[in-house]
């Protein structure tokens, strides 16, 4: 089964709270393929607080809008 998991500025970039829950979910359901859509600032890309399991595919989406003045 393929599962879409959408996170907002947490997993896999921030330890604790929601990130811990997502990490346990992915590791507990290793027979499923997860498409992890991480809504995060572009600056966070590449800074993972958690190692993703091999059955999880990361699709980071950053906010590319210009910062307000």
PDB file of N, CA and C in Angstrom:
ATOM      1  N   UNK A   1       0.844  -1.173   0.000  1.00  0.00           N
ATOM      2  CA  UNK A   1       0.000   0.000   0.000  1.00  0.00           C
ATOM      3  C   UNK A   1       0.896   1.245   0.000  1.00  0.00           C
ATOM      4  N   UNK A   2       0.484   2.236  -0.737  1.00  0.00           N
ATOM      5  CA  UNK A   2       1.187   3.515  -0.756  1.00  0.00           C
ATOM      6  C   UNK A   2       0.416   4.509   0.104  1.00  0.00           C
ATOM      7  N   UNK A   3       1.162   5.253   0.939  1.00  0.00           N
ATOM      8  CA  UNK A   3       0.560   6.188   1.881  1.00  0.00           C
ATOM      9  C   UNK A   3       1.203   7.561   1.690  1.00  0.00           C
ATOM     10  N   UNK A   4       0.376   8.598   1.605  1.00  0.00           N
ATOM     11  CA  UNK A   4       0.894   9.976   1.562  1.00  0.00           C
ATOM     12  C   UNK A   4       0.845  10.529   2.982  1.00  0.00           C
ATOM     13  N   UNK A   5       1.985  11.007   3.465  1.00  0.00           N
ATOM     14  CA  UNK A   5       2.080  11.626   4.784  1.00  0.00           C
ATOM     15  C   UNK A   5       2.563  13.056   4.571  1.00  0.00           C
ATOM     16  N   UNK A   6       1.738  14.023   4.945  1.00  0.00           N
ATOM     17  CA  UNK A   6       2.068  15.434   4.747  1.00  0.00           C
ATOM     18  C   UNK A   6       2.394  16.050   6.099  1.00  0.00           C
ATOM     19  N   UNK A   7       3.582  16.626   6.198  1.00  0.00           N
ATOM     20  CA  UNK A   7       4.001  17.269   7.449  1.00  0.00           C
ATOM     21  C   UNK A   7       4.250  18.750   7.193  1.00  0.00           C
ATOM     22  N   UNK A   8       4.090  19.539   8.233  1.00  0.00           N
ATOM     23  CA  UNK A   8       4.297  20.980   8.096  1.00  0.00           C
ATOM     24  C   UNK A   8       5.452  21.436   8.983  1.00  0.00           C
ATOM     25  N   UNK A   9       6.609  21.533   8.396  1.00  0.00           N
ATOM     26  CA  UNK A   9       7.799  22.057   9.065  1.00  0.00           C
ATOM     27  C   UNK A   9       8.192  21.221  10.284  1.00  0.00           C
ATOM     28  N   UNK A  10       7.942  19.917  10.232  1.00  0.00           N
ATOM     29  CA  UNK A  10       8.338  19.071  11.358  1.00  0.00           C
ATOM     30  C   UNK A  10       9.162  17.890  10.843  1.00  0.00           C
ATOM     31  N   UNK A  11       8.536  16.769  10.629  1.00  0.00           N
ATOM     32  CA  UNK A  11       9.248  15.557  10.212  1.00  0.00           C
ATOM     33  C   UNK A  11       9.705  15.663   8.774  1.00  0.00           C
ATOM     34  N   UNK A  12      10.913  15.353   8.438  1.00  0.00           N
ATOM     35  CA  UNK A  12      12.004  14.793   9.209  1.00  0.00           C
ATOM     36  C   UNK A  12      13.015  15.831   9.697  1.00  0.00           C
ATOM     37  N   UNK A  13      12.605  17.081   9.789  1.00  0.00           N
ATOM     38  CA  UNK A  13      13.550  18.163  10.058  1.00  0.00           C
ATOM     39  C   UNK A  13      13.679  18.555  11.531  1.00  0.00           C
ATOM     40  N   UNK A  14      12.664  18.277  12.364  1.00  0.00           N
ATOM     41  CA  UNK A  14      12.661  18.725  13.759  1.00  0.00           C
ATOM     42  C   UNK A  14      12.424  17.538  14.682  1.00  0.00           C
ATOM     43  N   UNK A  15      13.282  17.353  15.678  1.00  0.00           N
ATOM     44  CA  UNK A  15      13.126  16.264  16.657  1.00  0.00           C
ATOM     45  C   UNK A  15      12.039  16.600  17.661  1.00  0.00           C
ATOM     46  N   UNK A  16      11.350  15.551  18.128  1.00  0.00           N
ATOM     47  CA  UNK A  16      10.370  15.698  19.193  1.00  0.00           C
ATOM     48  C   UNK A  16       8.954  15.889  18.681  1.00  0.00           C
ATOM     49  N   UNK A  17       7.991  15.689  19.576  1.00  0.00           N
ATOM     50  CA  UNK A  17       6.585  15.934  19.276  1.00  0.00           C
ATOM     51  C   UNK A  17       6.081  15.177  18.070  1.00  0.00           C
ATOM     52  N   UNK A  18       5.572  15.905  17.100  1.00  0.00           N
ATOM     53  CA  UNK A  18       5.021  15.317  15.883  1.00  0.00           C
ATOM     54  C   UNK A  18       6.073  14.524  15.120  1.00  0.00           C
ATOM     55  N   UNK A  19       7.298  14.998  15.134  1.00  0.00           N
ATOM     56  CA  UNK A  19       8.374  14.287  14.443  1.00  0.00           C
ATOM     57  C   UNK A  19       8.584  12.890  14.994  1.00  0.00           C
ATOM     58  N   UNK A  20       8.540  12.745  16.314  1.00  0.00           N
ATOM     59  CA  UNK A  20       8.689  11.418  16.926  1.00  0.00           C
ATOM     60  C   UNK A  20       7.538  10.504  16.511  1.00  0.00           C
ATOM     61  N   UNK A  21       6.322  11.036  16.496  1.00  0.00           N
ATOM     62  CA  UNK A  21       5.153  10.244  16.111  1.00  0.00           C
ATOM     63  C   UNK A  21       5.284   9.774  14.664  1.00  0.00           C
ATOM     64  N   UNK A  22       5.663  10.666  13.769  1.00  0.00           N
ATOM     65  CA  UNK A  22       5.827  10.296  12.351  1.00  0.00           C
ATOM     66  C   UNK A  22       6.913   9.244  12.193  1.00  0.00           C
ATOM     67  N   UNK A  23       7.994   9.396  12.920  1.00  0.00           N
ATOM     68  CA  UNK A  23       9.108   8.452  12.827  1.00  0.00           C
ATOM     69  C   UNK A  23       8.670   7.054  13.273  1.00  0.00           C
ATOM     70  N   UNK A  24       7.928   6.971  14.365  1.00  0.00           N
ATOM     71  CA  UNK A  24       7.421   5.682  14.834  1.00  0.00           C
ATOM     72  C   UNK A  24       6.432   5.084  13.827  1.00  0.00           C
ATOM     73  N   UNK A  25       5.611   5.910  13.231  1.00  0.00           N
ATOM     74  CA  UNK A  25       4.646   5.451  12.232  1.00  0.00           C
ATOM     75  C   UNK A  25       5.356   4.833  11.032  1.00  0.00           C
ATOM     76  N   UNK A  26       6.335   5.528  10.487  1.00  0.00           N
ATOM     77  CA  UNK A  26       7.055   5.023   9.320  1.00  0.00           C
ATOM     78  C   UNK A  26       7.808   3.743   9.631  1.00  0.00           C
ATOM     79  N   UNK A  27       8.428   3.673  10.794  1.00  0.00           N
ATOM     80  CA  UNK A  27       9.188   2.467  11.136  1.00  0.00           C
ATOM     81  C   UNK A  27       8.282   1.317  11.552  1.00  0.00           C
ATOM     82  N   UNK A  28       7.090   1.615  12.055  1.00  0.00           N
ATOM     83  CA  UNK A  28       6.164   0.565  12.459  1.00  0.00           C
ATOM     84  C   UNK A  28       5.395  -0.048  11.310  1.00  0.00           C
ATOM     85  N   UNK A  29       5.259   0.676  10.219  1.00  0.00           N
ATOM     86  CA  UNK A  29       4.512   0.191   9.051  1.00  0.00           C
ATOM     87  C   UNK A  29       5.459   0.006   7.868  1.00  0.00           C
ATOM     88  N   UNK A  30       6.447  -0.848   8.049  1.00  0.00           N
ATOM     89  CA  UNK A  30       7.490  -0.995   7.032  1.00  0.00           C
ATOM     90  C   UNK A  30       7.066  -1.790   5.808  1.00  0.00           C
ATOM     91  N   UNK A  31       5.846  -2.316   5.805  1.00  0.00           N
ATOM     92  CA  UNK A  31       5.358  -3.018   4.608  1.00  0.00           C
ATOM     93  C   UNK A  31       4.679  -2.070   3.633  1.00  0.00           C
ATOM     94  N   UNK A  32       4.564  -0.812   4.001  1.00  0.00           N
ATOM     95  CA  UNK A  32       3.935   0.205   3.156  1.00  0.00           C
ATOM     96  C   UNK A  32       4.998   1.138   2.595  1.00  0.00           C
ATOM     97  N   UNK A  33       4.703   1.723   1.457  1.00  0.00           N
ATOM     98  CA  UNK A  33       5.570   2.750   0.888  1.00  0.00           C
ATOM     99  C   UNK A  33       4.986   4.104   1.256  1.00  0.00           C
ATOM    100  N   UNK A  34       5.795   4.940   1.885  1.00  0.00           N
ATOM    101  CA  UNK A  34       5.346   6.271   2.282  1.00  0.00           C
ATOM    102  C   UNK A  34       5.901   7.311   1.327  1.00  0.00           C
ATOM    103  N   UNK A  35       5.023   8.182   0.855  1.00  0.00           N
ATOM    104  CA  UNK A  35       5.431   9.361   0.105  1.00  0.00           C
ATOM    105  C   UNK A  35       5.286  10.510   1.094  1.00  0.00           C
ATOM    106  N   UNK A  36       6.402  10.945   1.625  1.00  0.00           N
ATOM    107  CA  UNK A  36       6.433  11.968   2.655  1.00  0.00           C
ATOM    108  C   UNK A  36       6.541  13.334   1.989  1.00  0.00           C
ATOM    109  N   UNK A  37       5.489  14.132   2.107  1.00  0.00           N
ATOM    110  CA  UNK A  37       5.475  15.488   1.562  1.00  0.00           C
ATOM    111  C   UNK A  37       5.725  16.430   2.733  1.00  0.00           C
ATOM    112  N   UNK A  38       6.925  17.005   2.755  1.00  0.00           N
ATOM    113  CA  UNK A  38       7.320  17.868   3.866  1.00  0.00           C
ATOM    114  C   UNK A  38       7.238  19.327   3.426  1.00  0.00           C
ATOM    115  N   UNK A  39       6.308  20.056   4.025  1.00  0.00           N
ATOM    116  CA  UNK A  39       6.183  21.487   3.759  1.00  0.00           C
ATOM    117  C   UNK A  39       7.179  22.182   4.674  1.00  0.00           C
ATOM    118  N   UNK A  40       8.209  22.759   4.088  1.00  0.00           N
ATOM    119  CA  UNK A  40       9.280  23.322   4.905  1.00  0.00           C
ATOM    120  C   UNK A  40       9.913  24.513   4.200  1.00  0.00           C
ATOM    121  N   UNK A  41      10.547  25.392   4.974  1.00  0.00           N
ATOM    122  CA  UNK A  41      11.291  26.484   4.349  1.00  0.00           C
ATOM    123  C   UNK A  41      12.448  25.919   3.527  1.00  0.00           C
ATOM    124  N   UNK A  42      12.792  26.573   2.451  1.00  0.00           N
ATOM    125  CA  UNK A  42      13.898  26.108   1.610  1.00  0.00           C
ATOM    126  C   UNK A  42      15.192  25.973   2.399  1.00  0.00           C
ATOM    127  N   UNK A  43      15.399  26.804   3.421  1.00  0.00           N
ATOM    128  CA  UNK A  43      16.637  26.777   4.201  1.00  0.00           C
ATOM    129  C   UNK A  43      16.816  25.462   4.954  1.00  0.00           C
ATOM    130  N   UNK A  44      15.736  24.762   5.246  1.00  0.00           N
ATOM    131  CA  UNK A  44      15.820  23.512   6.022  1.00  0.00           C
ATOM    132  C   UNK A  44      16.169  22.303   5.176  1.00  0.00           C
ATOM    133  N   UNK A  45      16.031  22.383   3.908  1.00  0.00           N
ATOM    134  CA  UNK A  45      16.267  21.209   3.063  1.00  0.00           C
ATOM    135  C   UNK A  45      17.672  20.670   3.304  1.00  0.00           C
ATOM    136  N   UNK A  46      17.761  19.373   3.456  1.00  0.00           N
ATOM    137  CA  UNK A  46      19.055  18.735   3.657  1.00  0.00           C
ATOM    138  C   UNK A  46      19.434  18.585   5.111  1.00  0.00           C
ATOM    139  N   UNK A  47      18.754  19.252   6.020  1.00  0.00           N
ATOM    140  CA  UNK A  47      19.049  19.164   7.443  1.00  0.00           C
ATOM    141  C   UNK A  47      18.061  18.221   8.107  1.00  0.00           C
ATOM    142  N   UNK A  48      18.273  16.922   7.985  1.00  0.00           N
ATOM    143  CA  UNK A  48      17.348  15.946   8.555  1.00  0.00           C
ATOM    144  C   UNK A  48      17.711  15.627  10.000  1.00  0.00           C
ATOM    145  N   UNK A  49      16.730  15.692  10.887  1.00  0.00           N
ATOM    146  CA  UNK A  49      16.922  15.300  12.282  1.00  0.00           C
ATOM    147  C   UNK A  49      16.692  13.792  12.441  1.00  0.00           C
ATOM    148  N   UNK A  50      16.014  13.181  11.488  1.00  0.00           N
ATOM    149  CA  UNK A  50      15.724  11.743  11.519  1.00  0.00           C
ATOM    150  C   UNK A  50      16.242  11.099  10.239  1.00  0.00           C
ATOM    151  N   UNK A  51      16.733   9.878  10.369  1.00  0.00           N
ATOM    152  CA  UNK A  51      17.113   9.097   9.189  1.00  0.00           C
ATOM    153  C   UNK A  51      15.845   8.420   8.666  1.00  0.00           C
ATOM    154  N   UNK A  52      15.560   8.629   7.405  1.00  0.00           N
ATOM    155  CA  UNK A  52      14.355   8.033   6.816  1.00  0.00           C
ATOM    156  C   UNK A  52      14.593   6.562   6.485  1.00  0.00           C
ATOM    157  N   UNK A  53      13.584   5.721   6.716  1.00  0.00           N
ATOM    158  CA  UNK A  53      13.715   4.322   6.328  1.00  0.00           C
ATOM    159  C   UNK A  53      13.686   4.191   4.802  1.00  0.00           C
ATOM    160  N   UNK A  54      14.172   3.094   4.272  1.00  0.00           N
ATOM    161  CA  UNK A  54      14.252   2.948   2.808  1.00  0.00           C
ATOM    162  C   UNK A  54      12.894   2.924   2.104  1.00  0.00           C
ATOM    163  N   UNK A  55      11.809   2.635   2.813  1.00  0.00           N
ATOM    164  CA  UNK A  55      10.487   2.592   2.178  1.00  0.00           C
ATOM    165  C   UNK A  55       9.765   3.946   2.245  1.00  0.00           C
ATOM    166  N   UNK A  56      10.495   5.004   2.603  1.00  0.00           N
ATOM    167  CA  UNK A  56       9.915   6.352   2.647  1.00  0.00           C
ATOM    168  C   UNK A  56      10.589   7.223   1.588  1.00  0.00           C
ATOM    169  N   UNK A  57       9.794   7.851   0.756  1.00  0.00           N
ATOM    170  CA  UNK A  57      10.297   8.733  -0.295  1.00  0.00           C
ATOM    171  C   UNK A  57       9.949  10.167   0.083  1.00  0.00           C
ATOM    172  N   UNK A  58      10.956  11.016   0.162  1.00  0.00           N
ATOM    173  CA  UNK A  58      10.763  12.397   0.602  1.00  0.00           C
ATOM    174  C   UNK A  58      10.529  13.309  -0.598  1.00  0.00           C
ATOM    175  N   UNK A  59       9.476  14.136  -0.503  1.00  0.00           N
ATOM    176  CA  UNK A  59       9.144  15.125  -1.522  1.00  0.00           C
ATOM    177  C   UNK A  59       9.050  16.484  -0.810  1.00  0.00           C
ATOM    178  N   UNK A  60      10.181  17.181  -0.591  1.00  0.00           N
ATOM    179  CA  UNK A  60      10.111  18.458   0.123  1.00  0.00           C
ATOM    180  C   UNK A  60       9.498  19.552  -0.741  1.00  0.00           C
ATOM    181  N   UNK A  61       8.652  20.356  -0.132  1.00  0.00           N
ATOM    182  CA  UNK A  61       8.043  21.502  -0.811  1.00  0.00           C
ATOM    183  C   UNK A  61       8.374  22.743   0.011  1.00  0.00           C
ATOM    184  N   UNK A  62       9.103  23.650  -0.564  1.00  0.00           N
ATOM    185  CA  UNK A  62       9.479  24.867   0.145  1.00  0.00           C
ATOM    186  C   UNK A  62       8.619  26.043  -0.238  1.00  0.00           C
ATOM    187  N   UNK A  63       8.688  27.067   0.559  1.00  0.00           N
ATOM    188  CA  UNK A  63       7.974  28.308   0.297  1.00  0.00           C
ATOM    189  C   UNK A  63       8.871  29.201  -0.543  1.00  0.00           C
ATOM    190  N   UNK A  64       8.568  29.324  -1.793  1.00  0.00           N
ATOM    191  CA  UNK A  64       9.418  30.092  -2.714  1.00  0.00           C
ATOM    192  C   UNK A  64       8.921  31.516  -2.928  1.00  0.00           C
ATOM    193  N   UNK A  65       7.918  31.917  -2.135  1.00  0.00           N
ATOM    194  CA  UNK A  65       7.425  33.290  -2.256  1.00  0.00           C
ATOM    195  C   UNK A  65       8.463  34.247  -1.664  1.00  0.00           C
ATOM    196  N   UNK A  66       8.556  35.451  -2.203  1.00  0.00           N
ATOM    197  CA  UNK A  66       9.482  36.414  -1.619  1.00  0.00           C
ATOM    198  C   UNK A  66       9.031  36.815  -0.212  1.00  0.00           C
ATOM    199  N   UNK A  67       9.994  37.062   0.650  1.00  0.00           N
ATOM    200  CA  UNK A  67       9.685  37.480   2.022  1.00  0.00           C
ATOM    201  C   UNK A  67       9.023  38.851   1.996  1.00  0.00           C
ATOM    202  N   UNK A  68       8.072  39.095   2.903  1.00  0.00           N
ATOM    203  CA  UNK A  68       7.434  40.427   2.944  1.00  0.00           C
ATOM    204  C   UNK A  68       8.445  41.493   3.352  1.00  0.00           C
ATOM    205  N   UNK A  69       8.243  42.720   2.877  1.00  0.00           N
ATOM    206  CA  UNK A  69       9.213  43.802   3.193  1.00  0.00           C
ATOM    207  C   UNK A  69       9.193  44.187   4.651  1.00  0.00           C
TER     208      UNK A  69
END
